[in-house]
Amino acid sequence: EQASIIFIRLLTMSNVVEAEQHKKKGNAHFSNKDYNRAIAEYSSAINKDPKNTVYYTNRALCYLKIKNYENVIADCEMAIKQDPTSVKGYYMLGQALTEQIDFDTAISNLQKAYDLTIADKGNFVAEIVQALLNARKKKWNLEEKKRIEKESELLRYVKGLINAEREKQLQKVSPRTMLSKFVTSHPPDVQAKLDIINKAHNEKLSQIEQVFGQSDENLKPRDLPDYFMDKISFNIMHDPVVTPSGITYERAHLKEHFKKIGHFDPLSRRECRESDLYPNLALKEAIEDFVSKNGWAADY
């Protein structure tokens, strides 16, 4: 029995070593942008060591590069199942779901990735923020497209009702109106009544078009307020935080500033550390409300 245990351990160690060799080959193929061969190597690594989360996220990244979103989702879900704190798993899952037009689930996963990387002081917060904004923008664009289609359909329906009512009234005055394409003239008194009916209904159509036009005007994008913009990257903020100097920055970019340049406020130059920051909740709520109504803002 002891010999069997030792044999199993040696076999496991051998598989782990072989899996790492396949991973290294996969990394080399990935660097050369040979994603299919990289996928094959990562798959071999998974066969040797199926409990290593990294192999699944590495393969998921390859699938993401070749836009095989179904496999990205499958690998990321497996990675998350094995490691519920896998930032890369949530991040790539969110990206794939965005492409699959499952925006709500995508945003939820990207938010999870963001929260995890902030807590763990991760290095690619800015990329997650951009993916979040991208998902929100695409969701807004889809909803806006549906809204416009509904309004156009409603406008056509209302105009149809007005024109149907016009036709009824015209027929009462002159049954020949049904053949209006062929009738070029009417007696003066009949024509006068027809003109009144047409004028009234044309005015109704004009009013309806004006109402719908005003609705579109109200939903047109507004100027992006300057105070929504991060003072470091000049992009719209996702997670605004305030320094002791009272200046608001995007948390991700301020953390990157601390790491690369130093622990001080970029504008006031006063000493500042991550523990000194506090969230600007009112501004965050205002930005989220603005982006939900103006999807184009996600580009900034």
C-alpha atoms as a PDB file:
ATOM      1  CA  GLU A   1       0.000   0.000   0.000  1.00  0.00           C
ATOM      2  CA  GLN A   2       2.827   2.377   0.866  1.00  0.00           C
ATOM      3  CA  ALA A   3       4.424   1.608  -2.481  1.00  0.00           C
ATOM      4  CA  SER A   4       1.149   2.444  -4.253  1.00  0.00           C
ATOM      5  CA  ILE A   5       0.948   5.803  -2.505  1.00  0.00           C
ATOM      6  CA  ILE A   6       4.528   6.620  -3.477  1.00  0.00           C
ATOM      7  CA  PHE A   7       3.874   5.575  -7.065  1.00  0.00           C
ATOM      8  CA  ILE A   8       0.780   7.803  -7.261  1.00  0.00           C
ATOM      9  CA  ARG A   9       2.699  10.749  -5.841  1.00  0.00           C
ATOM     10  CA  LEU A  10       5.514  10.273  -8.320  1.00  0.00           C
ATOM     11  CA  LEU A  11       3.037   9.983 -11.163  1.00  0.00           C
ATOM     12  CA  THR A  12       1.300  13.152 -10.024  1.00  0.00           C
ATOM     13  CA  MET A  13       4.609  15.004  -9.808  1.00  0.00           C
ATOM     14  CA  SER A  14       5.521  13.759 -13.260  1.00  0.00           C
ATOM     15  CA  ASN A  15       2.210  14.992 -14.666  1.00  0.00           C
ATOM     16  CA  VAL A  16       2.689  18.394 -13.043  1.00  0.00           C
ATOM     17  CA  VAL A  17       6.168  18.706 -14.563  1.00  0.00           C
ATOM     18  CA  GLU A  18       4.894  17.703 -18.009  1.00  0.00           C
ATOM     19  CA  ALA A  19       1.955  20.111 -17.665  1.00  0.00           C
ATOM     20  CA  GLU A  20       4.351  22.987 -16.965  1.00  0.00           C
ATOM     21  CA  GLN A  21       6.389  22.057 -20.039  1.00  0.00           C
ATOM     22  CA  HIS A  22       3.252  22.223 -22.169  1.00  0.00           C
ATOM     23  CA  LYS A  23       2.401  25.572 -20.588  1.00  0.00           C
ATOM     24  CA  LYS A  24       5.827  26.983 -21.491  1.00  0.00           C
ATOM     25  CA  LYS A  25       5.397  25.835 -25.086  1.00  0.00           C
ATOM     26  CA  GLY A  26       1.919  27.353 -25.111  1.00  0.00           C
ATOM     27  CA  ASN A  27       3.312  30.658 -23.826  1.00  0.00           C
ATOM     28  CA  ALA A  28       5.905  30.662 -26.611  1.00  0.00           C
ATOM     29  CA  HIS A  29       3.242  30.056 -29.263  1.00  0.00           C
ATOM     30  CA  PHE A  30       1.083  32.774 -27.712  1.00  0.00           C
ATOM     31  CA  SER A  31       3.980  35.252 -27.902  1.00  0.00           C
ATOM     32  CA  ASN A  32       4.246  34.413 -31.611  1.00  0.00           C
ATOM     33  CA  LYS A  33       0.460  34.906 -31.984  1.00  0.00           C
ATOM     34  CA  ASP A  34       0.070  31.273 -33.013  1.00  0.00           C
ATOM     35  CA  TYR A  35      -3.054  30.902 -30.914  1.00  0.00           C
ATOM     36  CA  ASN A  36      -4.226  27.542 -32.225  1.00  0.00           C
ATOM     37  CA  ARG A  37      -0.957  25.840 -31.377  1.00  0.00           C
ATOM     38  CA  ALA A  38      -0.970  27.589 -27.994  1.00  0.00           C
ATOM     39  CA  ILE A  39      -4.468  26.209 -27.382  1.00  0.00           C
ATOM     40  CA  ALA A  40      -3.243  22.697 -28.176  1.00  0.00           C
ATOM     41  CA  GLU A  41      -0.391  23.007 -25.661  1.00  0.00           C
ATOM     42  CA  TYR A  42      -2.609  24.440 -22.919  1.00  0.00           C
ATOM     43  CA  SER A  43      -5.094  21.629 -23.578  1.00  0.00           C
ATOM     44  CA  SER A  44      -2.286  19.104 -23.080  1.00  0.00           C
ATOM     45  CA  ALA A  45      -1.349  20.876 -19.849  1.00  0.00           C
ATOM     46  CA  ILE A  46      -4.953  20.616 -18.659  1.00  0.00           C
ATOM     47  CA  ASN A  47      -5.014  16.893 -19.455  1.00  0.00           C
ATOM     48  CA  LYS A  48      -1.926  16.413 -17.301  1.00  0.00           C
ATOM     49  CA  ASP A  49      -2.996  18.718 -14.470  1.00  0.00           C
ATOM     50  CA  PRO A  50      -6.737  19.558 -14.699  1.00  0.00           C
ATOM     51  CA  LYS A  51      -6.803  21.366 -11.347  1.00  0.00           C
ATOM     52  CA  ASN A  52      -4.452  24.171 -12.372  1.00  0.00           C
ATOM     53  CA  THR A  53      -6.608  27.276 -12.946  1.00  0.00           C
ATOM     54  CA  VAL A  54      -3.888  29.105 -14.880  1.00  0.00           C
ATOM     55  CA  TYR A  55      -4.061  26.661 -17.779  1.00  0.00           C
ATOM     56  CA  TYR A  56      -7.774  27.374 -18.238  1.00  0.00           C
ATOM     57  CA  THR A  57      -7.350  31.166 -18.169  1.00  0.00           C
ATOM     58  CA  ASN A  58      -4.369  30.950 -20.546  1.00  0.00           C
ATOM     59  CA  ARG A  59      -6.399  28.900 -22.995  1.00  0.00           C
ATOM     60  CA  ALA A  60      -9.386  31.234 -22.532  1.00  0.00           C
ATOM     61  CA  LEU A  61      -7.187  34.178 -23.548  1.00  0.00           C
ATOM     62  CA  CYS A  62      -6.238  32.354 -26.751  1.00  0.00           C
ATOM     63  CA  TYR A  63      -9.891  31.660 -27.501  1.00  0.00           C
ATOM     64  CA  LEU A  64     -10.621  35.329 -26.843  1.00  0.00           C
ATOM     65  CA  LYS A  65      -7.980  36.317 -29.393  1.00  0.00           C
ATOM     66  CA  ILE A  66      -9.601  34.151 -32.089  1.00  0.00           C
ATOM     67  CA  LYS A  67     -13.111  35.262 -31.015  1.00  0.00           C
ATOM     68  CA  ASN A  68     -14.267  31.794 -29.965  1.00  0.00           C
ATOM     69  CA  TYR A  69     -16.449  33.200 -27.196  1.00  0.00           C
ATOM     70  CA  GLU A  70     -18.264  29.970 -26.328  1.00  0.00           C
ATOM     71  CA  ASN A  71     -14.980  28.323 -25.371  1.00  0.00           C
ATOM     72  CA  VAL A  72     -13.841  31.439 -23.519  1.00  0.00           C
ATOM     73  CA  ILE A  73     -16.975  31.196 -21.390  1.00  0.00           C
ATOM     74  CA  ALA A  74     -16.496  27.464 -20.759  1.00  0.00           C
ATOM     75  CA  ASP A  75     -12.850  27.845 -19.695  1.00  0.00           C
ATOM     76  CA  CYS A  76     -13.503  30.890 -17.517  1.00  0.00           C
ATOM     77  CA  GLU A  77     -16.409  29.213 -15.765  1.00  0.00           C
ATOM     78  CA  MET A  78     -14.165  26.224 -15.030  1.00  0.00           C
ATOM     79  CA  ALA A  79     -11.435  28.545 -13.732  1.00  0.00           C
ATOM     80  CA  ILE A  80     -13.885  30.364 -11.468  1.00  0.00           C
ATOM     81  CA  LYS A  81     -15.328  27.072 -10.224  1.00  0.00           C
ATOM     82  CA  GLN A  82     -11.827  26.001  -9.163  1.00  0.00           C
ATOM     83  CA  ASP A  83     -10.808  29.442  -7.906  1.00  0.00           C
ATOM     84  CA  PRO A  84     -13.646  31.852  -7.009  1.00  0.00           C
ATOM     85  CA  THR A  85     -11.064  34.655  -6.723  1.00  0.00           C
ATOM     86  CA  SER A  86      -9.789  34.309 -10.310  1.00  0.00           C
ATOM     87  CA  VAL A  87      -9.691  37.915 -11.544  1.00  0.00           C
ATOM     88  CA  LYS A  88      -8.695  36.846 -15.053  1.00  0.00           C
ATOM     89  CA  GLY A  89     -11.555  34.351 -15.096  1.00  0.00           C
ATOM     90  CA  TYR A  90     -14.179  36.986 -14.290  1.00  0.00           C
ATOM     91  CA  TYR A  91     -12.494  39.555 -16.562  1.00  0.00           C
ATOM     92  CA  MET A  92     -12.399  37.387 -19.691  1.00  0.00           C
ATOM     93  CA  LEU A  93     -15.815  35.902 -18.935  1.00  0.00           C
ATOM     94  CA  GLY A  94     -17.198  39.441 -18.852  1.00  0.00           C
ATOM     95  CA  GLN A  95     -15.549  40.277 -22.169  1.00  0.00           C
ATOM     96  CA  ALA A  96     -16.912  37.141 -23.856  1.00  0.00           C
ATOM     97  CA  LEU A  97     -20.422  37.718 -22.491  1.00  0.00           C
ATOM     98  CA  THR A  98     -20.280  41.291 -23.789  1.00  0.00           C
ATOM     99  CA  GLU A  99     -19.636  39.938 -27.279  1.00  0.00           C
ATOM    100  CA  GLN A 100     -22.486  37.455 -26.773  1.00  0.00           C
ATOM    101  CA  ILE A 101     -24.802  40.414 -25.988  1.00  0.00           C
ATOM    102  CA  ASP A 102     -25.453  39.199 -22.441  1.00  0.00           C
ATOM    103  CA  PHE A 103     -24.661  42.626 -21.057  1.00  0.00           C
ATOM    104  CA  ASP A 104     -26.107  42.369 -17.548  1.00  0.00           C
ATOM    105  CA  THR A 105     -24.191  39.172 -16.753  1.00  0.00           C
ATOM    106  CA  ALA A 106     -21.073  40.603 -18.407  1.00  0.00           C
ATOM    107  CA  ILE A 107     -21.219  43.753 -16.275  1.00  0.00           C
ATOM    108  CA  SER A 108     -21.758  41.668 -13.131  1.00  0.00           C
ATOM    109  CA  ASN A 109     -18.658  39.553 -13.854  1.00  0.00           C
ATOM    110  CA  LEU A 110     -16.520  42.541 -14.785  1.00  0.00           C
ATOM    111  CA  GLN A 111     -17.579  44.293 -11.587  1.00  0.00           C
ATOM    112  CA  LYS A 112     -16.529  41.165  -9.663  1.00  0.00           C
ATOM    113  CA  ALA A 113     -13.150  41.240 -11.420  1.00  0.00           C
ATOM    114  CA  TYR A 114     -12.776  44.926 -10.536  1.00  0.00           C
ATOM    115  CA  ASP A 115     -13.663  44.408  -6.875  1.00  0.00           C
ATOM    116  CA  LEU A 116     -11.241  41.486  -6.567  1.00  0.00           C
ATOM    117  CA  THR A 117      -8.319  43.259  -8.197  1.00  0.00           C
ATOM    118  CA  ILE A 118      -8.851  46.389  -6.075  1.00  0.00           C
ATOM    119  CA  ALA A 119      -8.887  44.283  -2.896  1.00  0.00           C
ATOM    120  CA  ASP A 120      -5.808  42.364  -4.006  1.00  0.00           C
ATOM    121  CA  LYS A 121      -4.003  45.426  -5.402  1.00  0.00           C
ATOM    122  CA  GLY A 122      -3.986  43.966  -8.912  1.00  0.00           C
ATOM    123  CA  ASN A 123      -2.098  45.421 -11.843  1.00  0.00           C
ATOM    124  CA  PHE A 124      -4.658  45.669 -14.629  1.00  0.00           C
ATOM    125  CA  VAL A 125      -7.523  47.605 -13.050  1.00  0.00           C
ATOM    126  CA  ALA A 126      -7.563  50.129 -15.913  1.00  0.00           C
ATOM    127  CA  GLU A 127      -8.250  47.372 -18.457  1.00  0.00           C
ATOM    128  CA  ILE A 128     -11.150  46.082 -16.368  1.00  0.00           C
ATOM    129  CA  VAL A 129     -12.590  49.587 -16.067  1.00  0.00           C
ATOM    130  CA  GLN A 130     -12.420  49.989 -19.853  1.00  0.00           C
ATOM    131  CA  ALA A 131     -14.130  46.622 -20.363  1.00  0.00           C
ATOM    132  CA  LEU A 132     -16.870  47.703 -17.949  1.00  0.00           C
ATOM    133  CA  LEU A 133     -17.415  50.962 -19.817  1.00  0.00           C
ATOM    134  CA  ASN A 134     -17.439  49.086 -23.117  1.00  0.00           C
ATOM    135  CA  ALA A 135     -20.104  46.654 -21.860  1.00  0.00           C
ATOM    136  CA  ARG A 136     -22.215  49.526 -20.568  1.00  0.00           C
ATOM    137  CA  LYS A 137     -21.891  51.396 -23.844  1.00  0.00           C
ATOM    138  CA  LYS A 138     -22.929  48.382 -25.907  1.00  0.00           C
ATOM    139  CA  LYS A 139     -25.875  47.751 -23.598  1.00  0.00           C
ATOM    140  CA  TRP A 140     -26.942  51.390 -23.929  1.00  0.00           C
ATOM    141  CA  ASN A 141     -26.589  51.276 -27.726  1.00  0.00           C
ATOM    142  CA  LEU A 142     -28.762  48.170 -27.943  1.00  0.00           C
ATOM    143  CA  GLU A 143     -31.423  49.663 -25.684  1.00  0.00           C
ATOM    144  CA  GLU A 144     -31.299  52.904 -27.649  1.00  0.00           C
ATOM    145  CA  LYS A 145     -31.732  51.019 -30.926  1.00  0.00           C
ATOM    146  CA  LYS A 146     -34.759  49.182 -29.515  1.00  0.00           C
ATOM    147  CA  ARG A 147     -36.218  52.442 -28.228  1.00  0.00           C
ATOM    148  CA  ILE A 148     -35.862  54.133 -31.602  1.00  0.00           C
ATOM    149  CA  GLU A 149     -37.437  51.141 -33.358  1.00  0.00           C
ATOM    150  CA  LYS A 150     -40.368  51.179 -30.927  1.00  0.00           C
ATOM    151  CA  GLU A 151     -40.861  54.911 -31.330  1.00  0.00           C
ATOM    152  CA  SER A 152     -40.695  54.606 -35.112  1.00  0.00           C
ATOM    153  CA  GLU A 153     -43.228  51.783 -35.017  1.00  0.00           C
ATOM    154  CA  LEU A 154     -45.488  53.787 -32.703  1.00  0.00           C
ATOM    155  CA  LEU A 155     -45.181  56.841 -34.941  1.00  0.00           C
ATOM    156  CA  ARG A 156     -46.158  54.799 -37.992  1.00  0.00           C
ATOM    157  CA  TYR A 157     -49.117  53.338 -36.084  1.00  0.00           C
ATOM    158  CA  VAL A 158     -50.422  56.727 -34.927  1.00  0.00           C
ATOM    159  CA  LYS A 159     -49.970  58.241 -38.387  1.00  0.00           C
ATOM    160  CA  GLY A 160     -51.857  55.269 -39.822  1.00  0.00           C
ATOM    161  CA  LEU A 161     -54.786  55.935 -37.454  1.00  0.00           C
ATOM    162  CA  ILE A 162     -54.864  59.601 -38.433  1.00  0.00           C
ATOM    163  CA  ASN A 163     -54.797  58.784 -42.144  1.00  0.00           C
ATOM    164  CA  ALA A 164     -57.512  56.120 -41.695  1.00  0.00           C
ATOM    165  CA  GLU A 165     -59.721  58.679 -39.938  1.00  0.00           C
ATOM    166  CA  ARG A 166     -58.989  61.171 -42.739  1.00  0.00           C
ATOM    167  CA  GLU A 167     -60.071  58.612 -45.342  1.00  0.00           C
ATOM    168  CA  LYS A 168     -63.354  57.972 -43.485  1.00  0.00           C
ATOM    169  CA  GLN A 169     -64.200  61.658 -43.393  1.00  0.00           C
ATOM    170  CA  LEU A 170     -63.222  62.162 -47.009  1.00  0.00           C
ATOM    171  CA  GLN A 171     -65.465  59.279 -48.080  1.00  0.00           C
ATOM    172  CA  LYS A 172     -68.438  60.779 -46.231  1.00  0.00           C
ATOM    173  CA  VAL A 173     -68.009  63.998 -48.180  1.00  0.00           C
ATOM    174  CA  SER A 174     -67.308  62.305 -51.492  1.00  0.00           C
ATOM    175  CA  PRO A 175     -67.378  58.525 -52.052  1.00  0.00           C
ATOM    176  CA  ARG A 176     -65.263  59.183 -55.135  1.00  0.00           C
ATOM    177  CA  THR A 177     -62.359  60.052 -52.858  1.00  0.00           C
ATOM    178  CA  MET A 178     -61.472  56.363 -52.715  1.00  0.00           C
ATOM    179  CA  LEU A 179     -60.607  56.768 -56.362  1.00  0.00           C
ATOM    180  CA  SER A 180     -58.717  59.972 -55.664  1.00  0.00           C
ATOM    181  CA  LYS A 181     -55.813  58.821 -57.814  1.00  0.00           C
ATOM    182  CA  PHE A 182     -58.111  58.964 -60.803  1.00  0.00           C
ATOM    183  CA  VAL A 183     -60.338  61.890 -59.791  1.00  0.00           C
ATOM    184  CA  THR A 184     -58.672  65.191 -60.577  1.00  0.00           C
ATOM    185  CA  SER A 185     -61.458  67.615 -59.652  1.00  0.00           C
ATOM    186  CA  HIS A 186     -64.587  68.017 -57.487  1.00  0.00           C
ATOM    187  CA  PRO A 187     -67.376  70.570 -57.352  1.00  0.00           C
ATOM    188  CA  PRO A 188     -66.202  73.731 -55.509  1.00  0.00           C
ATOM    189  CA  ASP A 189     -68.287  73.138 -52.358  1.00  0.00           C
ATOM    190  CA  VAL A 190     -67.144  69.508 -52.118  1.00  0.00           C
ATOM    191  CA  GLN A 191     -63.525  70.480 -52.741  1.00  0.00           C
ATOM    192  CA  ALA A 192     -63.703  73.085 -49.965  1.00  0.00           C
ATOM    193  CA  LYS A 193     -64.861  70.445 -47.465  1.00  0.00           C
ATOM    194  CA  LEU A 194     -62.166  68.049 -48.623  1.00  0.00           C
ATOM    195  CA  ASP A 195     -59.533  70.752 -48.200  1.00  0.00           C
ATOM    196  CA  ILE A 196     -60.673  71.449 -44.628  1.00  0.00           C
ATOM    197  CA  ILE A 197     -60.483  67.750 -43.738  1.00  0.00           C
ATOM    198  CA  ASN A 198     -57.031  67.382 -45.304  1.00  0.00           C
ATOM    199  CA  LYS A 199     -55.744  70.520 -43.581  1.00  0.00           C
ATOM    200  CA  ALA A 200     -56.973  69.358 -40.160  1.00  0.00           C
ATOM    201  CA  HIS A 201     -55.391  65.935 -40.508  1.00  0.00           C
ATOM    202  CA  ASN A 202     -52.160  67.331 -41.931  1.00  0.00           C
ATOM    203  CA  GLU A 203     -51.944  69.528 -38.838  1.00  0.00           C
ATOM    204  CA  LYS A 204     -52.462  66.474 -36.624  1.00  0.00           C
ATOM    205  CA  LEU A 205     -49.691  64.630 -38.464  1.00  0.00           C
ATOM    206  CA  SER A 206     -47.411  67.630 -38.075  1.00  0.00           C
ATOM    207  CA  GLN A 207     -48.126  67.837 -34.342  1.00  0.00           C
ATOM    208  CA  ILE A 208     -47.460  64.132 -33.866  1.00  0.00           C
ATOM    209  CA  GLU A 209     -44.151  64.354 -35.736  1.00  0.00           C
ATOM    210  CA  GLN A 210     -43.222  67.380 -33.643  1.00  0.00           C
ATOM    211  CA  VAL A 211     -43.925  65.502 -30.394  1.00  0.00           C
ATOM    212  CA  PHE A 212     -41.807  62.544 -31.504  1.00  0.00           C
ATOM    213  CA  GLY A 213     -39.120  64.928 -32.707  1.00  0.00           C
ATOM    214  CA  GLN A 214     -39.012  66.637 -29.305  1.00  0.00           C
ATOM    215  CA  SER A 215     -38.672  63.230 -27.626  1.00  0.00           C
ATOM    216  CA  ASP A 216     -35.583  62.455 -29.715  1.00  0.00           C
ATOM    217  CA  GLU A 217     -34.198  65.931 -29.025  1.00  0.00           C
ATOM    218  CA  ASN A 218     -34.472  65.391 -25.269  1.00  0.00           C
ATOM    219  CA  LEU A 219     -32.534  62.139 -25.530  1.00  0.00           C
ATOM    220  CA  LYS A 220     -29.643  63.550 -27.541  1.00  0.00           C
ATOM    221  CA  PRO A 221     -26.231  63.358 -25.833  1.00  0.00           C
ATOM    222  CA  ARG A 222     -25.256  66.236 -23.583  1.00  0.00           C
ATOM    223  CA  ASP A 223     -21.791  67.655 -23.034  1.00  0.00           C
ATOM    224  CA  LEU A 224     -19.694  65.572 -20.665  1.00  0.00           C
ATOM    225  CA  PRO A 225     -19.090  67.563 -17.446  1.00  0.00           C
ATOM    226  CA  ASP A 226     -15.413  68.222 -16.750  1.00  0.00           C
ATOM    227  CA  TYR A 227     -15.735  67.007 -13.171  1.00  0.00           C
ATOM    228  CA  PHE A 228     -16.618  63.527 -14.481  1.00  0.00           C
ATOM    229  CA  MET A 229     -13.126  63.258 -15.925  1.00  0.00           C
ATOM    230  CA  ASP A 230     -10.107  61.749 -14.174  1.00  0.00           C
ATOM    231  CA  LYS A 231      -7.279  64.250 -13.605  1.00  0.00           C
ATOM    232  CA  ILE A 232      -4.639  61.663 -14.549  1.00  0.00           C
ATOM    233  CA  SER A 233      -5.971  59.826 -17.608  1.00  0.00           C
ATOM    234  CA  PHE A 234      -8.621  62.366 -18.660  1.00  0.00           C
ATOM    235  CA  ASN A 235     -11.093  59.500 -19.076  1.00  0.00           C
ATOM    236  CA  ILE A 236     -14.533  59.335 -17.491  1.00  0.00           C
ATOM    237  CA  MET A 237     -14.263  57.961 -13.962  1.00  0.00           C
ATOM    238  CA  HIS A 238     -15.690  54.612 -12.869  1.00  0.00           C
ATOM    239  CA  ASP A 239     -14.628  54.547  -9.226  1.00  0.00           C
ATOM    240  CA  PRO A 240     -13.924  58.165  -8.125  1.00  0.00           C
ATOM    241  CA  VAL A 241     -12.011  58.654  -4.887  1.00  0.00           C
ATOM    242  CA  VAL A 242     -11.038  61.822  -3.019  1.00  0.00           C
ATOM    243  CA  THR A 243      -7.574  62.563  -1.646  1.00  0.00           C
ATOM    244  CA  PRO A 244      -6.934  64.531   1.576  1.00  0.00           C
ATOM    245  CA  SER A 245      -6.390  67.562  -0.697  1.00  0.00           C
ATOM    246  CA  GLY A 246     -10.052  67.299  -1.768  1.00  0.00           C
ATOM    247  CA  ILE A 247      -9.224  66.342  -5.357  1.00  0.00           C
ATOM    248  CA  THR A 248     -11.067  63.469  -7.049  1.00  0.00           C
ATOM    249  CA  TYR A 249      -9.331  60.876  -9.222  1.00  0.00           C
ATOM    250  CA  GLU A 250     -10.115  57.500 -10.744  1.00  0.00           C
ATOM    251  CA  ARG A 251      -8.963  54.977  -8.125  1.00  0.00           C
ATOM    252  CA  ALA A 252      -7.226  52.693 -10.659  1.00  0.00           C
ATOM    253  CA  HIS A 253      -5.138  55.455 -12.208  1.00  0.00           C
ATOM    254  CA  LEU A 254      -4.247  56.986  -8.839  1.00  0.00           C
ATOM    255  CA  LYS A 255      -3.032  53.590  -7.601  1.00  0.00           C
ATOM    256  CA  GLU A 256      -0.930  53.244 -10.736  1.00  0.00           C
ATOM    257  CA  HIS A 257       0.501  56.710 -10.050  1.00  0.00           C
ATOM    258  CA  PHE A 258       1.421  55.644  -6.489  1.00  0.00           C
ATOM    259  CA  LYS A 259       3.133  52.520  -7.809  1.00  0.00           C
ATOM    260  CA  LYS A 260       5.104  54.080 -10.671  1.00  0.00           C
ATOM    261  CA  ILE A 261       5.785  57.642  -9.473  1.00  0.00           C
ATOM    262  CA  GLY A 262       5.264  58.003  -5.754  1.00  0.00           C
ATOM    263  CA  HIS A 263       2.828  58.334  -2.858  1.00  0.00           C
ATOM    264  CA  PHE A 264       1.661  61.905  -3.354  1.00  0.00           C
ATOM    265  CA  ASP A 265      -1.342  63.732  -4.796  1.00  0.00           C
ATOM    266  CA  PRO A 266      -0.514  64.416  -8.478  1.00  0.00           C
ATOM    267  CA  LEU A 267      -1.896  67.976  -8.380  1.00  0.00           C
ATOM    268  CA  SER A 268      -1.375  69.223  -4.825  1.00  0.00           C
ATOM    269  CA  ARG A 269       1.853  67.173  -4.443  1.00  0.00           C
ATOM    270  CA  ARG A 270       0.918  66.447  -0.822  1.00  0.00           C
ATOM    271  CA  GLU A 271       1.819  63.045   0.590  1.00  0.00           C
ATOM    272  CA  CYS A 272      -0.992  60.577  -0.022  1.00  0.00           C
ATOM    273  CA  ARG A 273      -1.437  56.831   0.284  1.00  0.00           C
ATOM    274  CA  GLU A 274      -4.193  54.419  -0.645  1.00  0.00           C
ATOM    275  CA  SER A 275      -5.338  54.297   2.976  1.00  0.00           C
ATOM    276  CA  ASP A 276      -5.971  58.076   2.820  1.00  0.00           C
ATOM    277  CA  LEU A 277      -8.521  57.793   0.023  1.00  0.00           C
ATOM    278  CA  TYR A 278     -12.273  57.731   0.437  1.00  0.00           C
ATOM    279  CA  PRO A 279     -14.921  57.087  -2.221  1.00  0.00           C
ATOM    280  CA  ASN A 280     -16.814  59.981  -3.794  1.00  0.00           C
ATOM    281  CA  LEU A 281     -20.182  58.211  -3.728  1.00  0.00           C
ATOM    282  CA  ALA A 282     -22.275  61.176  -4.840  1.00  0.00           C
ATOM    283  CA  LEU A 283     -20.121  61.724  -7.921  1.00  0.00           C
ATOM    284  CA  LYS A 284     -20.069  57.992  -8.701  1.00  0.00           C
ATOM    285  CA  GLU A 285     -23.883  57.917  -8.635  1.00  0.00           C
ATOM    286  CA  ALA A 286     -24.073  61.001 -10.880  1.00  0.00           C
ATOM    287  CA  ILE A 287     -21.626  59.476 -13.394  1.00  0.00           C
ATOM    288  CA  GLU A 288     -23.481  56.144 -13.475  1.00  0.00           C
ATOM    289  CA  ASP A 289     -26.777  57.964 -14.083  1.00  0.00           C
ATOM    290  CA  PHE A 290     -25.190  60.015 -16.874  1.00  0.00           C
ATOM    291  CA  VAL A 291     -23.610  56.985 -18.602  1.00  0.00           C
ATOM    292  CA  SER A 292     -26.902  55.050 -18.396  1.00  0.00           C
ATOM    293  CA  LYS A 293     -28.561  57.840 -20.411  1.00  0.00           C
ATOM    294  CA  ASN A 294     -25.599  58.712 -22.637  1.00  0.00           C
ATOM    295  CA  GLY A 295     -23.841  55.545 -23.779  1.00  0.00           C
ATOM    296  CA  TRP A 296     -21.437  57.498 -25.971  1.00  0.00           C
ATOM    297  CA  ALA A 297     -19.763  58.743 -22.782  1.00  0.00           C
ATOM    298  CA  ALA A 298     -18.145  55.323 -22.302  1.00  0.00           C
ATOM    299  CA  ASP A 299     -15.728  56.249 -25.113  1.00  0.00           C
ATOM    300  CA  TYR A 300     -14.151  58.951 -22.953  1.00  0.00           C
END
